[in-house]
PDB file of N, CA and C in Angstrom:
ATOM      1  N   MET A   1      -6.113   2.985  23.900  1.00  0.00           N
ATOM      2  CA  MET A   1      -6.810   3.480  22.727  1.00  0.00           C
ATOM      3  C   MET A   1      -7.330   4.890  22.999  1.00  0.00           C
ATOM      4  N   THR A   2      -7.122   5.776  22.058  1.00  0.00           N
ATOM      5  CA  THR A   2      -7.679   7.112  22.148  1.00  0.00           C
ATOM      6  C   THR A   2      -9.183   7.015  21.963  1.00  0.00           C
ATOM      7  N   ASP A   3      -9.934   7.870  22.628  1.00  0.00           N
ATOM      8  CA  ASP A   3     -11.386   7.827  22.528  1.00  0.00           C
ATOM      9  C   ASP A   3     -11.831   8.549  21.255  1.00  0.00           C
ATOM     10  N   PHE A   4     -12.172   7.758  20.234  1.00  0.00           N
ATOM     11  CA  PHE A   4     -12.642   8.317  18.981  1.00  0.00           C
ATOM     12  C   PHE A   4     -14.138   8.134  18.869  1.00  0.00           C
ATOM     13  N   ASN A   5     -14.801   9.087  18.266  1.00  0.00           N
ATOM     14  CA  ASN A   5     -16.200   8.922  17.899  1.00  0.00           C
ATOM     15  C   ASN A   5     -16.326   9.279  16.426  1.00  0.00           C
ATOM     16  N   LYS A   6     -17.508   9.088  15.871  1.00  0.00           N
ATOM     17  CA  LYS A   6     -17.716   9.306  14.443  1.00  0.00           C
ATOM     18  C   LYS A   6     -17.355  10.732  14.029  1.00  0.00           C
ATOM     19  N   LYS A   7     -17.799  11.723  14.786  1.00  0.00           N
ATOM     20  CA  LYS A   7     -17.532  13.120  14.440  1.00  0.00           C
ATOM     21  C   LYS A   7     -16.034  13.411  14.455  1.00  0.00           C
ATOM     22  N   ARG A   8     -15.355  13.017  15.516  1.00  0.00           N
ATOM     23  CA  ARG A   8     -13.909  13.269  15.634  1.00  0.00           C
ATOM     24  C   ARG A   8     -13.134  12.574  14.528  1.00  0.00           C
ATOM     25  N   PHE A   9     -13.519  11.313  14.228  1.00  0.00           N
ATOM     26  CA  PHE A   9     -12.803  10.581  13.195  1.00  0.00           C
ATOM     27  C   PHE A   9     -13.008  11.211  11.825  1.00  0.00           C
ATOM     28  N   THR A  10     -14.235  11.598  11.478  1.00  0.00           N
ATOM     29  CA  THR A  10     -14.466  12.203  10.161  1.00  0.00           C
ATOM     30  C   THR A  10     -13.746  13.550  10.040  1.00  0.00           C
ATOM     31  N   GLU A  11     -13.635  14.289  11.143  1.00  0.00           N
ATOM     32  CA  GLU A  11     -12.853  15.532  11.125  1.00  0.00           C
ATOM     33  C   GLU A  11     -11.381  15.230  10.817  1.00  0.00           C
ATOM     34  N   MET A  12     -10.861  14.173  11.432  1.00  0.00           N
ATOM     35  CA  MET A  12      -9.470  13.772  11.201  1.00  0.00           C
ATOM     36  C   MET A  12      -9.258  13.375   9.741  1.00  0.00           C
ATOM     37  N   VAL A  13     -10.213  12.648   9.159  1.00  0.00           N
ATOM     38  CA  VAL A  13     -10.102  12.239   7.760  1.00  0.00           C
ATOM     39  C   VAL A  13     -10.066  13.470   6.860  1.00  0.00           C
ATOM     40  N   LEU A  14     -10.963  14.412   7.083  1.00  0.00           N
ATOM     41  CA  LEU A  14     -11.015  15.623   6.260  1.00  0.00           C
ATOM     42  C   LEU A  14      -9.730  16.442   6.365  1.00  0.00           C
ATOM     43  N   LYS A  15      -9.092  16.424   7.526  1.00  0.00           N
ATOM     44  CA  LYS A  15      -7.852  17.184   7.737  1.00  0.00           C
ATOM     45  C   LYS A  15      -6.601  16.397   7.365  1.00  0.00           C
ATOM     46  N   GLY A  16      -6.774  15.115   6.966  1.00  0.00           N
ATOM     47  CA  GLY A  16      -5.628  14.288   6.613  1.00  0.00           C
ATOM     48  C   GLY A  16      -4.795  13.869   7.811  1.00  0.00           C
ATOM     49  N   GLU A  17      -5.419  13.751   8.978  1.00  0.00           N
ATOM     50  CA  GLU A  17      -4.707  13.426  10.207  1.00  0.00           C
ATOM     51  C   GLU A  17      -4.718  11.944  10.560  1.00  0.00           C
ATOM     52  N   VAL A  18      -5.299  11.100   9.713  1.00  0.00           N
ATOM     53  CA  VAL A  18      -5.353   9.672  10.021  1.00  0.00           C
ATOM     54  C   VAL A  18      -4.008   9.050   9.708  1.00  0.00           C
ATOM     55  N   THR A  19      -3.443   8.371  10.689  1.00  0.00           N
ATOM     56  CA  THR A  19      -2.111   7.789  10.532  1.00  0.00           C
ATOM     57  C   THR A  19      -2.179   6.269  10.436  1.00  0.00           C
ATOM     58  N   PRO A  20      -1.251   5.659   9.706  1.00  0.00           N
ATOM     59  CA  PRO A  20      -1.218   4.198   9.628  1.00  0.00           C
ATOM     60  C   PRO A  20      -1.107   3.591  11.027  1.00  0.00           C
ATOM     61  N   GLY A  21      -1.835   2.497  11.247  1.00  0.00           N
ATOM     62  CA  GLY A  21      -1.782   1.802  12.522  1.00  0.00           C
ATOM     63  C   GLY A  21      -2.683   2.386  13.596  1.00  0.00           C
ATOM     64  N   ILE A  22      -3.512   3.359  13.279  1.00  0.00           N
ATOM     65  CA  ILE A  22      -4.394   3.997  14.255  1.00  0.00           C
ATOM     66  C   ILE A  22      -5.317   2.955  14.898  1.00  0.00           C
ATOM     67  N   ASP A  23      -5.577   3.102  16.186  1.00  0.00           N
ATOM     68  CA  ASP A  23      -6.442   2.170  16.911  1.00  0.00           C
ATOM     69  C   ASP A  23      -7.864   2.723  16.964  1.00  0.00           C
ATOM     70  N   LEU A  24      -8.749   2.070  16.208  1.00  0.00           N
ATOM     71  CA  LEU A  24     -10.159   2.457  16.155  1.00  0.00           C
ATOM     72  C   LEU A  24     -11.049   1.291  16.584  1.00  0.00           C
ATOM     73  N   SER A  25     -10.527   0.433  17.420  1.00  0.00           N
ATOM     74  CA  SER A  25     -11.285  -0.728  17.874  1.00  0.00           C
ATOM     75  C   SER A  25     -12.609  -0.291  18.488  1.00  0.00           C
ATOM     76  N   LYS A  26     -13.665  -1.005  18.130  1.00  0.00           N
ATOM     77  CA  LYS A  26     -15.028  -0.815  18.642  1.00  0.00           C
ATOM     78  C   LYS A  26     -15.664   0.513  18.243  1.00  0.00           C
ATOM     79  N   ILE A  27     -15.076   1.288  17.348  1.00  0.00           N
ATOM     80  CA  ILE A  27     -15.662   2.562  16.933  1.00  0.00           C
ATOM     81  C   ILE A  27     -16.939   2.326  16.131  1.00  0.00           C
ATOM     82  N   ASP A  28     -17.883   3.237  16.217  1.00  0.00           N
ATOM     83  CA  ASP A  28     -19.114   3.171  15.435  1.00  0.00           C
ATOM     84  C   ASP A  28     -19.007   4.189  14.300  1.00  0.00           C
ATOM     85  N   LEU A  29     -18.765   3.664  13.094  1.00  0.00           N
ATOM     86  CA  LEU A  29     -18.711   4.495  11.887  1.00  0.00           C
ATOM     87  C   LEU A  29     -19.794   4.053  10.905  1.00  0.00           C
ATOM     88  N   SER A  30     -20.885   3.542  11.446  1.00  0.00           N
ATOM     89  CA  SER A  30     -21.966   3.053  10.593  1.00  0.00           C
ATOM     90  C   SER A  30     -22.515   4.190   9.730  1.00  0.00           C
ATOM     91  N   ALA A  31     -22.840   3.843   8.485  1.00  0.00           N
ATOM     92  CA  ALA A  31     -23.447   4.765   7.518  1.00  0.00           C
ATOM     93  C   ALA A  31     -22.610   6.021   7.258  1.00  0.00           C
ATOM     94  N   THR A  32     -21.301   5.918   7.408  1.00  0.00           N
ATOM     95  CA  THR A  32     -20.403   7.053   7.185  1.00  0.00           C
ATOM     96  C   THR A  32     -19.786   6.964   5.793  1.00  0.00           C
ATOM     97  N   ASN A  33     -19.593   8.109   5.135  1.00  0.00           N
ATOM     98  CA  ASN A  33     -18.927   8.126   3.838  1.00  0.00           C
ATOM     99  C   ASN A  33     -17.416   8.173   4.072  1.00  0.00           C
ATOM    100  N   LEU A  34     -16.784   7.022   3.888  1.00  0.00           N
ATOM    101  CA  LEU A  34     -15.337   6.906   4.064  1.00  0.00           C
ATOM    102  C   LEU A  34     -14.667   6.517   2.751  1.00  0.00           C
ATOM    103  N   ARG A  35     -15.244   6.931   1.645  1.00  0.00           N
ATOM    104  CA  ARG A  35     -14.705   6.623   0.332  1.00  0.00           C
ATOM    105  C   ARG A  35     -13.236   7.063   0.273  1.00  0.00           C
ATOM    106  N   SER A  36     -12.384   6.145  -0.172  1.00  0.00           N
ATOM    107  CA  SER A  36     -10.949   6.386  -0.374  1.00  0.00           C
ATOM    108  C   SER A  36     -10.169   6.606   0.922  1.00  0.00           C
ATOM    109  N   VAL A  37     -10.730   6.244   2.061  1.00  0.00           N
ATOM    110  CA  VAL A  37     -10.008   6.410   3.325  1.00  0.00           C
ATOM    111  C   VAL A  37      -8.768   5.499   3.331  1.00  0.00           C
ATOM    112  N   PHE A  38      -7.705   5.955   3.961  1.00  0.00           N
ATOM    113  CA  PHE A  38      -6.437   5.237   4.028  1.00  0.00           C
ATOM    114  C   PHE A  38      -6.251   4.746   5.453  1.00  0.00           C
ATOM    115  N   LEU A  39      -6.523   3.433   5.676  1.00  0.00           N
ATOM    116  CA  LEU A  39      -6.422   2.862   7.017  1.00  0.00           C
ATOM    117  C   LEU A  39      -5.481   1.662   7.038  1.00  0.00           C
ATOM    118  N   VAL A  40      -4.335   1.814   6.415  1.00  0.00           N
ATOM    119  CA  VAL A  40      -3.334   0.746   6.384  1.00  0.00           C
ATOM    120  C   VAL A  40      -2.866   0.441   7.807  1.00  0.00           C
ATOM    121  N   GLY A  41      -2.939  -0.842   8.157  1.00  0.00           N
ATOM    122  CA  GLY A  41      -2.485  -1.272   9.472  1.00  0.00           C
ATOM    123  C   GLY A  41      -3.368  -0.843  10.630  1.00  0.00           C
ATOM    124  N   ALA A  42      -4.523  -0.275  10.349  1.00  0.00           N
ATOM    125  CA  ALA A  42      -5.413   0.204  11.415  1.00  0.00           C
ATOM    126  C   ALA A  42      -5.966  -0.954  12.240  1.00  0.00           C
ATOM    127  N   LYS A  43      -6.233  -0.675  13.494  1.00  0.00           N
ATOM    128  CA  LYS A  43      -6.853  -1.649  14.393  1.00  0.00           C
ATOM    129  C   LYS A  43      -8.338  -1.302  14.472  1.00  0.00           C
ATOM    130  N   LEU A  44      -9.158  -2.161  13.867  1.00  0.00           N
ATOM    131  CA  LEU A  44     -10.602  -1.933  13.807  1.00  0.00           C
ATOM    132  C   LEU A  44     -11.367  -3.136  14.352  1.00  0.00           C
ATOM    133  N   LYS A  45     -10.815  -3.799  15.354  1.00  0.00           N
ATOM    134  CA  LYS A  45     -11.482  -4.972  15.932  1.00  0.00           C
ATOM    135  C   LYS A  45     -12.859  -4.581  16.446  1.00  0.00           C
ATOM    136  N   ARG A  46     -13.860  -5.366  16.043  1.00  0.00           N
ATOM    137  CA  ARG A  46     -15.251  -5.200  16.455  1.00  0.00           C
ATOM    138  C   ARG A  46     -15.807  -3.813  16.141  1.00  0.00           C
ATOM    139  N   ALA A  47     -15.254  -3.139  15.145  1.00  0.00           N
ATOM    140  CA  ALA A  47     -15.772  -1.830  14.729  1.00  0.00           C
ATOM    141  C   ALA A  47     -17.101  -2.003  14.000  1.00  0.00           C
ATOM    142  N   ASN A  48     -17.970  -1.009  14.112  1.00  0.00           N
ATOM    143  CA  ASN A  48     -19.249  -1.019  13.416  1.00  0.00           C
ATOM    144  C   ASN A  48     -19.136  -0.102  12.194  1.00  0.00           C
ATOM    145  N   LEU A  49     -19.026  -0.712  11.008  1.00  0.00           N
ATOM    146  CA  LEU A  49     -18.932   0.025   9.754  1.00  0.00           C
ATOM    147  C   LEU A  49     -20.162  -0.254   8.885  1.00  0.00           C
ATOM    148  N   LYS A  50     -21.200  -0.772   9.484  1.00  0.00           N
ATOM    149  CA  LYS A  50     -22.402  -1.190   8.763  1.00  0.00           C
ATOM    150  C   LYS A  50     -22.954  -0.055   7.895  1.00  0.00           C
ATOM    151  N   GLY A  51     -23.145  -0.350   6.610  1.00  0.00           N
ATOM    152  CA  GLY A  51     -23.738   0.605   5.686  1.00  0.00           C
ATOM    153  C   GLY A  51     -22.820   1.739   5.255  1.00  0.00           C
ATOM    154  N   ALA A  52     -21.542   1.670   5.594  1.00  0.00           N
ATOM    155  CA  ALA A  52     -20.603   2.741   5.224  1.00  0.00           C
ATOM    156  C   ALA A  52     -20.195   2.636   3.754  1.00  0.00           C
ATOM    157  N   ASN A  53     -19.848   3.763   3.169  1.00  0.00           N
ATOM    158  CA  ASN A  53     -19.280   3.782   1.822  1.00  0.00           C
ATOM    159  C   ASN A  53     -17.774   3.656   1.987  1.00  0.00           C
ATOM    160  N   LEU A  54     -17.262   2.471   1.663  1.00  0.00           N
ATOM    161  CA  LEU A  54     -15.832   2.190   1.788  1.00  0.00           C
ATOM    162  C   LEU A  54     -15.202   1.923   0.428  1.00  0.00           C
ATOM    163  N   ALA A  55     -15.856   2.382  -0.633  1.00  0.00           N
ATOM    164  CA  ALA A  55     -15.321   2.197  -1.975  1.00  0.00           C
ATOM    165  C   ALA A  55     -13.943   2.850  -2.070  1.00  0.00           C
ATOM    166  N   CYS A  56     -13.026   2.163  -2.692  1.00  0.00           N
ATOM    167  CA  CYS A  56     -11.656   2.640  -2.923  1.00  0.00           C
ATOM    168  C   CYS A  56     -10.842   2.804  -1.631  1.00  0.00           C
ATOM    169  N   ALA A  57     -11.329   2.288  -0.525  1.00  0.00           N
ATOM    170  CA  ALA A  57     -10.610   2.400   0.750  1.00  0.00           C
ATOM    171  C   ALA A  57      -9.430   1.438   0.782  1.00  0.00           C
ATOM    172  N   ASN A  58      -8.416   1.788   1.550  1.00  0.00           N
ATOM    173  CA  ASN A  58      -7.236   0.941   1.687  1.00  0.00           C
ATOM    174  C   ASN A  58      -7.139   0.449   3.128  1.00  0.00           C
ATOM    175  N   PHE A  59      -7.408  -0.875   3.299  1.00  0.00           N
ATOM    176  CA  PHE A  59      -7.340  -1.537   4.596  1.00  0.00           C
ATOM    177  C   PHE A  59      -6.213  -2.563   4.624  1.00  0.00           C
ATOM    178  N   GLU A  60      -5.171  -2.363   3.832  1.00  0.00           N
ATOM    179  CA  GLU A  60      -4.073  -3.324   3.797  1.00  0.00           C
ATOM    180  C   GLU A  60      -3.463  -3.488   5.183  1.00  0.00           C
ATOM    181  N   LYS A  61      -3.277  -4.748   5.583  1.00  0.00           N
ATOM    182  CA  LYS A  61      -2.686  -5.119   6.871  1.00  0.00           C
ATOM    183  C   LYS A  61      -3.502  -4.637   8.077  1.00  0.00           C
ATOM    184  N   ALA A  62      -4.753  -4.250   7.863  1.00  0.00           N
ATOM    185  CA  ALA A  62      -5.602  -3.797   8.966  1.00  0.00           C
ATOM    186  C   ALA A  62      -6.172  -4.990   9.733  1.00  0.00           C
ATOM    187  N   ASP A  63      -6.485  -4.780  10.995  1.00  0.00           N
ATOM    188  CA  ASP A  63      -7.107  -5.808  11.828  1.00  0.00           C
ATOM    189  C   ASP A  63      -8.584  -5.469  11.985  1.00  0.00           C
ATOM    190  N   LEU A  64      -9.423  -6.203  11.243  1.00  0.00           N
ATOM    191  CA  LEU A  64     -10.871  -6.005  11.263  1.00  0.00           C
ATOM    192  C   LEU A  64     -11.577  -7.220  11.871  1.00  0.00           C
ATOM    193  N   GLU A  65     -10.903  -7.917  12.768  1.00  0.00           N
ATOM    194  CA  GLU A  65     -11.488  -9.113  13.360  1.00  0.00           C
ATOM    195  C   GLU A  65     -12.799  -8.776  14.068  1.00  0.00           C
ATOM    196  N   GLY A  66     -13.859  -9.502  13.682  1.00  0.00           N
ATOM    197  CA  GLY A  66     -15.163  -9.319  14.302  1.00  0.00           C
ATOM    198  C   GLY A  66     -15.876  -8.033  13.924  1.00  0.00           C
ATOM    199  N   ALA A  67     -15.354  -7.286  12.949  1.00  0.00           N
ATOM    200  CA  ALA A  67     -15.981  -6.023  12.542  1.00  0.00           C
ATOM    201  C   ALA A  67     -17.253  -6.273  11.735  1.00  0.00           C
ATOM    202  N   ASP A  68     -18.191  -5.330  11.798  1.00  0.00           N
ATOM    203  CA  ASP A  68     -19.422  -5.406  11.020  1.00  0.00           C
ATOM    204  C   ASP A  68     -19.304  -4.465   9.824  1.00  0.00           C
ATOM    205  N   LEU A  69     -19.123  -5.065   8.640  1.00  0.00           N
ATOM    206  CA  LEU A  69     -19.045  -4.313   7.395  1.00  0.00           C
ATOM    207  C   LEU A  69     -20.250  -4.630   6.509  1.00  0.00           C
ATOM    208  N   SER A  70     -21.323  -5.110   7.092  1.00  0.00           N
ATOM    209  CA  SER A  70     -22.485  -5.503   6.298  1.00  0.00           C
ATOM    210  C   SER A  70     -23.095  -4.291   5.593  1.00  0.00           C
ATOM    211  N   ASN A  71     -23.653  -4.555   4.417  1.00  0.00           N
ATOM    212  CA  ASN A  71     -24.340  -3.533   3.618  1.00  0.00           C
ATOM    213  C   ASN A  71     -23.428  -2.377   3.189  1.00  0.00           C
ATOM    214  N   CYS A  72     -22.132  -2.631   3.069  1.00  0.00           N
ATOM    215  CA  CYS A  72     -21.175  -1.596   2.650  1.00  0.00           C
ATOM    216  C   CYS A  72     -20.898  -1.686   1.153  1.00  0.00           C
ATOM    217  N   ASP A  73     -20.455  -0.584   0.590  1.00  0.00           N
ATOM    218  CA  ASP A  73     -19.896  -0.592  -0.756  1.00  0.00           C
ATOM    219  C   ASP A  73     -18.387  -0.742  -0.586  1.00  0.00           C
ATOM    220  N   LEU A  74     -17.881  -1.919  -0.987  1.00  0.00           N
ATOM    221  CA  LEU A  74     -16.454  -2.209  -0.878  1.00  0.00           C
ATOM    222  C   LEU A  74     -15.788  -2.251  -2.252  1.00  0.00           C
ATOM    223  N   SER A  75     -16.429  -1.674  -3.253  1.00  0.00           N
ATOM    224  CA  SER A  75     -15.887  -1.693  -4.604  1.00  0.00           C
ATOM    225  C   SER A  75     -14.508  -1.046  -4.651  1.00  0.00           C
ATOM    226  N   TYR A  76     -13.578  -1.738  -5.278  1.00  0.00           N
ATOM    227  CA  TYR A  76     -12.202  -1.267  -5.475  1.00  0.00           C
ATOM    228  C   TYR A  76     -11.432  -1.083  -4.162  1.00  0.00           C
ATOM    229  N   ALA A  77     -11.952  -1.582  -3.066  1.00  0.00           N
ATOM    230  CA  ALA A  77     -11.241  -1.493  -1.787  1.00  0.00           C
ATOM    231  C   ALA A  77     -10.163  -2.572  -1.721  1.00  0.00           C
ATOM    232  N   SER A  78      -9.139  -2.328  -0.928  1.00  0.00           N
ATOM    233  CA  SER A  78      -8.068  -3.295  -0.749  1.00  0.00           C
ATOM    234  C   SER A  78      -8.016  -3.766   0.701  1.00  0.00           C
ATOM    235  N   PHE A  79      -8.071  -5.107   0.840  1.00  0.00           N
ATOM    236  CA  PHE A  79      -7.935  -5.759   2.138  1.00  0.00           C
ATOM    237  C   PHE A  79      -6.736  -6.712   2.099  1.00  0.00           C
ATOM    238  N   LYS A  80      -5.738  -6.392   1.278  1.00  0.00           N
ATOM    239  CA  LYS A  80      -4.561  -7.263   1.170  1.00  0.00           C
ATOM    240  C   LYS A  80      -3.910  -7.438   2.535  1.00  0.00           C
ATOM    241  N   ASN A  81      -3.653  -8.724   2.874  1.00  0.00           N
ATOM    242  CA  ASN A  81      -2.986  -9.076   4.126  1.00  0.00           C
ATOM    243  C   ASN A  81      -3.735  -8.594   5.374  1.00  0.00           C
ATOM    244  N   ALA A  82      -5.024  -8.329   5.256  1.00  0.00           N
ATOM    245  CA  ALA A  82      -5.824  -7.877   6.401  1.00  0.00           C
ATOM    246  C   ALA A  82      -6.377  -9.067   7.178  1.00  0.00           C
ATOM    247  N   ASN A  83      -6.716  -8.831   8.427  1.00  0.00           N
ATOM    248  CA  ASN A  83      -7.352  -9.837   9.271  1.00  0.00           C
ATOM    249  C   ASN A  83      -8.849  -9.551   9.317  1.00  0.00           C
ATOM    250  N   LEU A  84      -9.631 -10.444   8.688  1.00  0.00           N
ATOM    251  CA  LEU A  84     -11.086 -10.315   8.670  1.00  0.00           C
ATOM    252  C   LEU A  84     -11.750 -11.513   9.358  1.00  0.00           C
ATOM    253  N   LYS A  85     -11.062 -12.136  10.299  1.00  0.00           N
ATOM    254  CA  LYS A  85     -11.620 -13.295  10.999  1.00  0.00           C
ATOM    255  C   LYS A  85     -12.939 -12.913  11.652  1.00  0.00           C
ATOM    256  N   GLY A  86     -13.977 -13.675  11.332  1.00  0.00           N
ATOM    257  CA  GLY A  86     -15.272 -13.462  11.958  1.00  0.00           C
ATOM    258  C   GLY A  86     -15.965 -12.167  11.584  1.00  0.00           C
ATOM    259  N   ALA A  87     -15.461 -11.458  10.583  1.00  0.00           N
ATOM    260  CA  ALA A  87     -16.085 -10.193  10.169  1.00  0.00           C
ATOM    261  C   ALA A  87     -17.377 -10.468   9.398  1.00  0.00           C
ATOM    262  N   ASN A  88     -18.323  -9.551   9.490  1.00  0.00           N
ATOM    263  CA  ASN A  88     -19.581  -9.656   8.765  1.00  0.00           C
ATOM    264  C   ASN A  88     -19.505  -8.783   7.518  1.00  0.00           C
ATOM    265  N   LEU A  89     -19.445  -9.442   6.353  1.00  0.00           N
ATOM    266  CA  LEU A  89     -19.392  -8.739   5.071  1.00  0.00           C
ATOM    267  C   LEU A  89     -20.627  -9.065   4.239  1.00  0.00           C
ATOM    268  N   SER A  90     -21.708  -9.423   4.898  1.00  0.00           N
ATOM    269  CA  SER A  90     -22.917  -9.810   4.177  1.00  0.00           C
ATOM    270  C   SER A  90     -23.558  -8.600   3.491  1.00  0.00           C
ATOM    271  N   ASN A  91     -24.211  -8.885   2.380  1.00  0.00           N
ATOM    272  CA  ASN A  91     -24.961  -7.876   1.613  1.00  0.00           C
ATOM    273  C   ASN A  91     -24.108  -6.709   1.129  1.00  0.00           C
ATOM    274  N   CYS A  92     -22.822  -6.939   0.908  1.00  0.00           N
ATOM    275  CA  CYS A  92     -21.924  -5.885   0.434  1.00  0.00           C
ATOM    276  C   CYS A  92     -21.811  -5.893  -1.085  1.00  0.00           C
ATOM    277  N   LYS A  93     -21.509  -4.743  -1.628  1.00  0.00           N
ATOM    278  CA  LYS A  93     -21.159  -4.618  -3.036  1.00  0.00           C
ATOM    279  C   LYS A  93     -19.639  -4.740  -3.094  1.00  0.00           C
ATOM    280  N   MET A  94     -19.167  -5.704  -3.913  1.00  0.00           N
ATOM    281  CA  MET A  94     -17.731  -5.958  -3.997  1.00  0.00           C
ATOM    282  C   MET A  94     -17.319  -6.096  -5.450  1.00  0.00           C
ATOM    283  N   GLU A  95     -17.051  -5.028  -6.106  1.00  0.00           N
ATOM    284  CA  GLU A  95     -16.538  -5.085  -7.475  1.00  0.00           C
ATOM    285  C   GLU A  95     -15.056  -4.765  -7.448  1.00  0.00           C
ATOM    286  N   TYR A  96     -14.267  -5.718  -7.918  1.00  0.00           N
ATOM    287  CA  TYR A  96     -12.809  -5.587  -7.967  1.00  0.00           C
ATOM    288  C   TYR A  96     -12.203  -5.349  -6.584  1.00  0.00           C
ATOM    289  N   THR A  97     -12.803  -5.912  -5.562  1.00  0.00           N
ATOM    290  CA  THR A  97     -12.292  -5.814  -4.196  1.00  0.00           C
ATOM    291  C   THR A  97     -11.138  -6.804  -4.044  1.00  0.00           C
ATOM    292  N   ASP A  98     -10.069  -6.385  -3.409  1.00  0.00           N
ATOM    293  CA  ASP A  98      -8.854  -7.188  -3.294  1.00  0.00           C
ATOM    294  C   ASP A  98      -8.725  -7.794  -1.896  1.00  0.00           C
ATOM    295  N   PHE A  99      -8.824  -9.136  -1.844  1.00  0.00           N
ATOM    296  CA  PHE A  99      -8.662  -9.867  -0.589  1.00  0.00           C
ATOM    297  C   PHE A  99      -7.419 -10.751  -0.617  1.00  0.00           C
ATOM    298  N   ARG A 100      -6.450 -10.445  -1.458  1.00  0.00           N
ATOM    299  CA  ARG A 100      -5.253 -11.289  -1.544  1.00  0.00           C
ATOM    300  C   ARG A 100      -4.576 -11.413  -0.189  1.00  0.00           C
ATOM    301  N   ASN A 101      -4.310 -12.674   0.183  1.00  0.00           N
ATOM    302  CA  ASN A 101      -3.625 -13.013   1.429  1.00  0.00           C
ATOM    303  C   ASN A 101      -4.346 -12.523   2.691  1.00  0.00           C
ATOM    304  N   ALA A 102      -5.613 -12.193   2.586  1.00  0.00           N
ATOM    305  CA  ALA A 102      -6.378 -11.786   3.768  1.00  0.00           C
ATOM    306  C   ALA A 102      -6.825 -13.020   4.544  1.00  0.00           C
ATOM    307  N   GLU A 103      -6.926 -12.897   5.846  1.00  0.00           N
ATOM    308  CA  GLU A 103      -7.439 -13.966   6.707  1.00  0.00           C
ATOM    309  C   GLU A 103      -8.949 -13.786   6.803  1.00  0.00           C
ATOM    310  N   VAL A 104      -9.703 -14.735   6.243  1.00  0.00           N
ATOM    311  CA  VAL A 104     -11.161 -14.621   6.198  1.00  0.00           C
ATOM    312  C   VAL A 104     -11.869 -15.777   6.908  1.00  0.00           C
ATOM    313  N   THR A 105     -11.177 -16.458   7.814  1.00  0.00           N
ATOM    314  CA  THR A 105     -11.780 -17.563   8.548  1.00  0.00           C
ATOM    315  C   THR A 105     -13.038 -17.096   9.270  1.00  0.00           C
ATOM    316  N   LYS A 106     -14.122 -17.815   9.060  1.00  0.00           N
ATOM    317  CA  LYS A 106     -15.428 -17.547   9.675  1.00  0.00           C
ATOM    318  C   LYS A 106     -16.013 -16.183   9.317  1.00  0.00           C
ATOM    319  N   ALA A 107     -15.505 -15.538   8.281  1.00  0.00           N
ATOM    320  CA  ALA A 107     -16.110 -14.284   7.825  1.00  0.00           C
ATOM    321  C   ALA A 107     -17.412 -14.603   7.084  1.00  0.00           C
ATOM    322  N   ASN A 108     -18.393 -13.729   7.182  1.00  0.00           N
ATOM    323  CA  ASN A 108     -19.702 -13.918   6.564  1.00  0.00           C
ATOM    324  C   ASN A 108     -19.746 -13.152   5.240  1.00  0.00           C
ATOM    325  N   PHE A 109     -19.817 -13.905   4.134  1.00  0.00           N
ATOM    326  CA  PHE A 109     -19.883 -13.316   2.797  1.00  0.00           C
ATOM    327  C   PHE A 109     -21.238 -13.589   2.149  1.00  0.00           C
ATOM    328  N   LYS A 110     -22.301 -13.742   2.909  1.00  0.00           N
ATOM    329  CA  LYS A 110     -23.613 -14.065   2.342  1.00  0.00           C
ATOM    330  C   LYS A 110     -24.164 -12.878   1.559  1.00  0.00           C
ATOM    331  N   ASN A 111     -24.811 -13.207   0.443  1.00  0.00           N
ATOM    332  CA  ASN A 111     -25.537 -12.234  -0.392  1.00  0.00           C
ATOM    333  C   ASN A 111     -24.680 -11.069  -0.899  1.00  0.00           C
ATOM    334  N   ILE A 112     -23.427 -11.340  -1.215  1.00  0.00           N
ATOM    335  CA  ILE A 112     -22.594 -10.270  -1.770  1.00  0.00           C
ATOM    336  C   ILE A 112     -22.934 -10.043  -3.229  1.00  0.00           C
ATOM    337  N   LYS A 113     -22.705  -8.820  -3.694  1.00  0.00           N
ATOM    338  CA  LYS A 113     -22.969  -8.447  -5.072  1.00  0.00           C
ATOM    339  C   LYS A 113     -21.671  -7.924  -5.673  1.00  0.00           C
ATOM    340  N   GLY A 114     -21.411  -8.275  -6.925  1.00  0.00           N
ATOM    341  CA  GLY A 114     -20.226  -7.756  -7.586  1.00  0.00           C
ATOM    342  C   GLY A 114     -19.623  -8.733  -8.539  1.00  0.00           C
ATOM    343  N   GLU A 115     -18.437  -8.423  -8.990  1.00  0.00           N
ATOM    344  CA  GLU A 115     -17.734  -9.280  -9.924  1.00  0.00           C
ATOM    345  C   GLU A 115     -16.240  -9.146  -9.751  1.00  0.00           C
ATOM    346  N   LYS A 116     -15.535 -10.128 -10.274  1.00  0.00           N
ATOM    347  CA  LYS A 116     -14.072 -10.164 -10.239  1.00  0.00           C
ATOM    348  C   LYS A 116     -13.520  -9.917  -8.849  1.00  0.00           C
ATOM    349  N   ILE A 117     -14.030 -10.676  -7.892  1.00  0.00           N
ATOM    350  CA  ILE A 117     -13.528 -10.570  -6.528  1.00  0.00           C
ATOM    351  C   ILE A 117     -12.249 -11.373  -6.444  1.00  0.00           C
ATOM    352  N   GLY A 118     -11.150 -10.747  -6.018  1.00  0.00           N
ATOM    353  CA  GLY A 118      -9.859 -11.425  -6.007  1.00  0.00           C
ATOM    354  C   GLY A 118      -9.324 -11.614  -4.634  1.00  0.00           C
TER     355      GLY A 118
END
C-alpha cells in the first residue's frame, strides 16, 4: 500500500489522480469533504471516514470492511456491490443511497436519517 494521508489524498482528488482500485486501507479521512469522489473498487478496509461529506460519492465494488462512516452524509451515494461487512454507518444521512447487492453483514445502521434507501 502506498502511504497516503489526508492532505496527499485530497490533493490527488483535486487533480483527478484517483484511480479505480486504489488502496486506501486504514487511511484517516475523517471530516473531509469528498462530495462526488469516485472510488470504484477502492480498498478502504478499516478506513476512518467519520463525519465526512460523501454525498454523491461512488463506492461501487469498493471494500469498506470495518470502515467507520459514522455521522457522514451519504445522500445519493452508491455502494452497489460494495463490501461493508462490519462497517459503522450509524448516525448517517442516507437519502436515495444505493446499497443494491452490497454485503452489509454486521454493519451498524443505528440512527440513520433519510428516505428511499435502496
